[in-house]
Protein backbone atom coordinates (compact mmCIF):
# COMPACT_ATOMS: atom_id res chain seq x y z
CA GLY A 1 -0.13 0.16 -0.07
CA SER A 2 0.59 3.81 -0.24
CA LEU A 3 -0.98 6.62 0.03
CA VAL A 4 -1.60 8.16 -3.23
CA VAL A 5 -4.24 8.57 -5.85
CA ASN A 6 -3.27 7.04 -8.81
CA TYR A 7 -4.64 7.83 -12.48
CA PRO A 8 -4.34 6.59 -16.26
CA PHE A 9 -2.49 4.98 -17.85
CA ASP A 10 -1.30 2.42 -15.58
CA ASP A 11 0.62 0.97 -18.94
CA ASP A 12 2.52 2.33 -21.65
CA GLU A 13 3.90 0.86 -24.56
CA GLN A 14 7.21 -0.07 -23.85
CA GLY A 15 6.39 -1.84 -20.60
CA VAL A 16 8.38 0.12 -18.21
CA ALA A 17 7.64 2.63 -15.52
CA ILE A 18 7.24 6.09 -17.66
CA TYR A 19 4.64 8.50 -17.25
CA SER A 20 1.57 7.41 -19.84
CA LYS A 21 -0.29 10.57 -20.56
CA SER A 22 -4.25 9.95 -21.22
CA PRO A 23 -6.14 12.00 -23.50
CA ASP A 24 -8.00 13.34 -20.50
CA ASP A 25 -4.75 13.73 -18.11
CA ALA A 26 -5.54 17.00 -17.04
CA VAL A 27 -9.07 16.11 -15.95
CA PHE A 28 -7.52 13.26 -14.25
CA GLN A 29 -4.97 15.66 -12.37
CA GLN A 30 -7.97 17.51 -11.19
CA LEU A 31 -10.04 14.66 -9.84
CA ALA A 32 -6.74 13.29 -8.37
CA LEU A 33 -5.57 16.70 -6.74
CA SER A 34 -9.45 17.18 -5.38
CA TYR A 35 -8.62 14.15 -3.46
CA SER A 36 -5.61 14.64 -2.10
CA LYS A 37 -5.89 18.35 -1.42
CA GLU A 38 -8.12 17.21 1.60
CA ASN A 39 -5.86 14.64 3.09
CA ALA A 40 -2.69 16.49 4.72
CA LYS A 41 -0.25 13.36 4.83
CA MET A 42 -0.94 12.59 1.08
CA TYR A 43 -0.70 15.90 -0.29
CA GLN A 44 3.04 15.89 1.51
CA GLY A 45 3.91 13.60 -0.94
CA THR A 46 6.04 11.18 1.20
CA PRO A 47 3.39 9.11 3.12
CA CYS A 48 5.63 6.12 3.86
CA LYS A 49 9.40 7.32 4.39
CA ASP A 50 9.64 4.10 6.82
CA MET A 51 8.72 1.67 4.29
CA TYR A 52 10.12 3.27 1.12
CA PRO A 53 12.40 6.30 1.64
CA THR A 54 12.46 7.11 -1.96
CA GLU A 55 9.08 7.22 -2.85
CA TYR A 56 7.74 10.88 -3.62
CA PHE A 57 4.60 11.59 -5.05
CA PRO A 58 4.41 15.43 -5.68
CA HIS A 59 1.38 16.55 -4.37
CA GLY A 60 -0.16 13.01 -3.50
CA ILE A 61 -0.75 12.09 -7.00
CA THR A 62 0.90 9.96 -9.65
CA ASN A 63 0.32 8.58 -12.97
CA GLY A 64 0.15 4.79 -12.79
CA ALA A 65 2.45 3.93 -15.07
CA GLN A 66 4.90 6.42 -14.22
CA TRP A 67 4.80 4.84 -10.80
CA TYR A 68 4.70 1.02 -12.12
CA ASN A 69 3.68 -0.53 -15.02
CA VAL A 70 0.78 -2.54 -14.87
CA PRO A 71 -0.50 -3.89 -18.26
CA GLY A 72 -4.27 -4.99 -18.73
CA GLY A 73 -5.45 -3.22 -15.46
CA MET A 74 -9.09 -2.40 -14.48
CA GLN A 75 -8.86 1.34 -14.43
CA ASP A 76 -7.26 1.48 -17.98
CA TRP A 77 -9.73 -0.94 -19.44
CA ASN A 78 -13.10 1.18 -17.84
CA TYR A 79 -11.40 3.99 -19.42
CA LEU A 80 -10.80 2.76 -22.73
CA ASN A 81 -13.73 0.56 -23.37
CA THR A 82 -16.60 2.31 -21.01
CA ASN A 83 -15.61 6.15 -20.88
CA CYS A 84 -15.31 5.35 -16.89
CA PHE A 85 -13.10 7.91 -15.14
CA GLU A 86 -11.33 5.83 -12.81
CA VAL A 87 -8.74 6.54 -10.11
CA THR A 88 -7.31 4.26 -7.97
CA ILE A 89 -7.07 5.52 -3.91
CA GLU A 90 -4.36 4.03 -1.71
CA LEU A 91 -5.14 4.79 1.62
CA GLY A 92 -2.15 4.06 4.04
CA CYS A 93 1.09 2.19 4.01
CA VAL A 94 -0.29 -0.66 5.46
CA LYS A 95 -2.18 -2.99 3.37
CA TYR A 96 -4.44 -4.48 6.06
CA PRO A 97 -4.68 -2.21 9.17
CA LYS A 98 -6.16 -3.17 12.45
CA ALA A 99 -9.71 -2.43 12.88
CA GLU A 100 -9.28 -0.16 15.88
CA GLU A 101 -7.41 2.22 13.25
CA LEU A 102 -10.27 2.63 10.64
CA PRO A 103 -11.89 5.72 12.83
CA LYS A 104 -8.69 7.15 11.94
CA TYR A 105 -8.60 6.42 8.21
CA TRP A 106 -12.07 7.61 8.33
CA GLU A 107 -11.14 11.25 9.35
CA GLN A 108 -8.06 11.27 7.06
CA ASN A 109 -10.07 10.78 4.36
CA ARG A 110 -13.90 11.78 4.89
CA ARG A 111 -13.17 15.64 3.40
CA SER A 112 -11.51 13.93 0.50
CA LEU A 113 -14.69 11.56 -0.35
CA LEU A 114 -16.69 14.76 0.02
CA GLN A 115 -14.68 17.11 -2.19
CA PHE A 116 -14.01 13.96 -4.93
CA MET A 117 -17.77 13.79 -4.92
CA LYS A 118 -18.13 16.92 -5.55
CA GLN A 119 -16.32 16.75 -8.77
CA VAL A 120 -19.17 15.04 -10.42
């Protein structure tokens, strides 16, 4: 896990980690930023320093393929085949948080979710 909003494309023609711009790149960046700006830790861009000390996401967002290449992912498939604008929101550095930590996750993401819904 991580703490970032990832937007299409998740794949590129060469199959390497490189920015892969979609035709709606500006819209995807706007959607991703609308979420990350409301989550202070995400927006800082270095959420998992202990686990991934060199990982940095400017303003808490990343193009999927630039982060790591995912050929055949649902995010790209939905965009290309159904015109669904989908982003992937990574909510934390711990993949399986303990149940007692879930209220903290809610508080960290409540405003982000509301702002994201306003974009519709």
